Amino acid sequence: MRQAERVILAVDSSKFGRRALVRLASLADIDALVTDRLPDEHIVALLHRHGVSIHC
């Protein structure tokens, strides 16, 4: 990911609000999120604060 021009994260909406055992990156490392359904407003606001575009 360090050498990528863009980092795109594909996430199924069932993963929103859940904790993971492994952390691969911070939100600052992600450029775009692709998902099947928009997350809750507080998650959308957090993503936008970090400059992550959301594609549903």
C-alpha atoms as a PDB file:
ATOM      1  CA  MET A   1       0.000   0.000   0.000  1.00  0.00           C
ATOM      2  CA  ARG A   2       2.897   2.372   0.578  1.00  0.00           C
ATOM      3  CA  GLN A   3       3.749   2.430  -3.115  1.00  0.00           C
ATOM      4  CA  ALA A   4       0.184   2.586  -4.435  1.00  0.00           C
ATOM      5  CA  GLU A   5      -1.079   5.740  -6.095  1.00  0.00           C
ATOM      6  CA  ARG A   6      -4.546   5.040  -4.688  1.00  0.00           C
ATOM      7  CA  VAL A   7      -5.818   2.719  -1.974  1.00  0.00           C
ATOM      8  CA  ILE A   8      -9.373   1.457  -2.418  1.00  0.00           C
ATOM      9  CA  LEU A   9     -11.032  -0.527   0.354  1.00  0.00           C
ATOM     10  CA  ALA A  10     -13.934  -2.835  -0.563  1.00  0.00           C
ATOM     11  CA  VAL A  11     -16.120  -3.519   2.471  1.00  0.00           C
ATOM     12  CA  ASP A  12     -19.367  -5.409   2.869  1.00  0.00           C
ATOM     13  CA  SER A  13     -21.777  -3.271   4.919  1.00  0.00           C
ATOM     14  CA  SER A  14     -22.058  -5.996   7.574  1.00  0.00           C
ATOM     15  CA  LYS A  15     -18.505  -5.053   8.660  1.00  0.00           C
ATOM     16  CA  PHE A  16     -19.386  -1.481   9.709  1.00  0.00           C
ATOM     17  CA  GLY A  17     -19.246  -0.944  13.451  1.00  0.00           C
ATOM     18  CA  ARG A  18     -17.415  -4.203  14.144  1.00  0.00           C
ATOM     19  CA  ARG A  19     -13.943  -4.652  15.605  1.00  0.00           C
ATOM     20  CA  ALA A  20     -11.284  -6.652  13.814  1.00  0.00           C
ATOM     21  CA  LEU A  21      -8.412  -8.713  15.132  1.00  0.00           C
ATOM     22  CA  VAL A  22      -5.999  -7.197  12.631  1.00  0.00           C
ATOM     23  CA  ARG A  23      -5.467  -3.585  11.570  1.00  0.00           C
ATOM     24  CA  LEU A  24      -4.133  -3.182   8.039  1.00  0.00           C
ATOM     25  CA  ALA A  25      -4.209   0.600   7.695  1.00  0.00           C
ATOM     26  CA  SER A  26      -5.554   3.790   9.200  1.00  0.00           C
ATOM     27  CA  LEU A  27      -8.283   5.863   7.581  1.00  0.00           C
ATOM     28  CA  ALA A  28      -5.610   8.351   6.545  1.00  0.00           C
ATOM     29  CA  ASP A  29      -4.150   5.622   4.295  1.00  0.00           C
ATOM     30  CA  ILE A  30      -7.426   4.986   2.416  1.00  0.00           C
ATOM     31  CA  ASP A  31      -8.478   7.029  -0.613  1.00  0.00           C
ATOM     32  CA  ALA A  32     -11.826   5.416  -1.398  1.00  0.00           C
ATOM     33  CA  LEU A  33     -14.319   3.032   0.160  1.00  0.00           C
ATOM     34  CA  VAL A  34     -16.514   0.817  -2.018  1.00  0.00           C
ATOM     35  CA  THR A  35     -19.480  -0.793  -0.279  1.00  0.00           C
ATOM     36  CA  ASP A  36     -22.926  -2.233  -0.894  1.00  0.00           C
ATOM     37  CA  ARG A  37     -24.726   0.135   1.517  1.00  0.00           C
ATOM     38  CA  LEU A  38     -23.845   3.469   3.100  1.00  0.00           C
ATOM     39  CA  PRO A  39     -22.706   3.283   6.729  1.00  0.00           C
ATOM     40  CA  ASP A  40     -24.291   5.265   9.580  1.00  0.00           C
ATOM     41  CA  GLU A  41     -23.895   9.044   9.490  1.00  0.00           C
ATOM     42  CA  HIS A  42     -21.156   9.130  12.146  1.00  0.00           C
ATOM     43  CA  ILE A  43     -19.032   6.724  10.076  1.00  0.00           C
ATOM     44  CA  VAL A  44     -19.661   8.744   6.901  1.00  0.00           C
ATOM     45  CA  ALA A  45     -18.568  11.915   8.726  1.00  0.00           C
ATOM     46  CA  LEU A  46     -15.429  10.177  10.012  1.00  0.00           C
ATOM     47  CA  LEU A  47     -14.540   8.951   6.520  1.00  0.00           C
ATOM     48  CA  HIS A  48     -15.062  12.409   5.019  1.00  0.00           C
ATOM     49  CA  ARG A  49     -12.889  14.022   7.738  1.00  0.00           C
ATOM     50  CA  HIS A  50     -10.085  11.715   6.620  1.00  0.00           C
ATOM     51  CA  GLY A  51     -10.632  12.511   2.925  1.00  0.00           C
ATOM     52  CA  VAL A  52     -12.058   9.088   2.041  1.00  0.00           C
ATOM     53  CA  SER A  53     -14.569   9.103  -0.812  1.00  0.00           C
ATOM     54  CA  ILE A  54     -17.481   6.673  -0.519  1.00  0.00           C
ATOM     55  CA  HIS A  55     -18.865   4.702  -3.472  1.00  0.00           C
ATOM     56  CA  CYS A  56     -22.015   2.691  -2.996  1.00  0.00           C
END
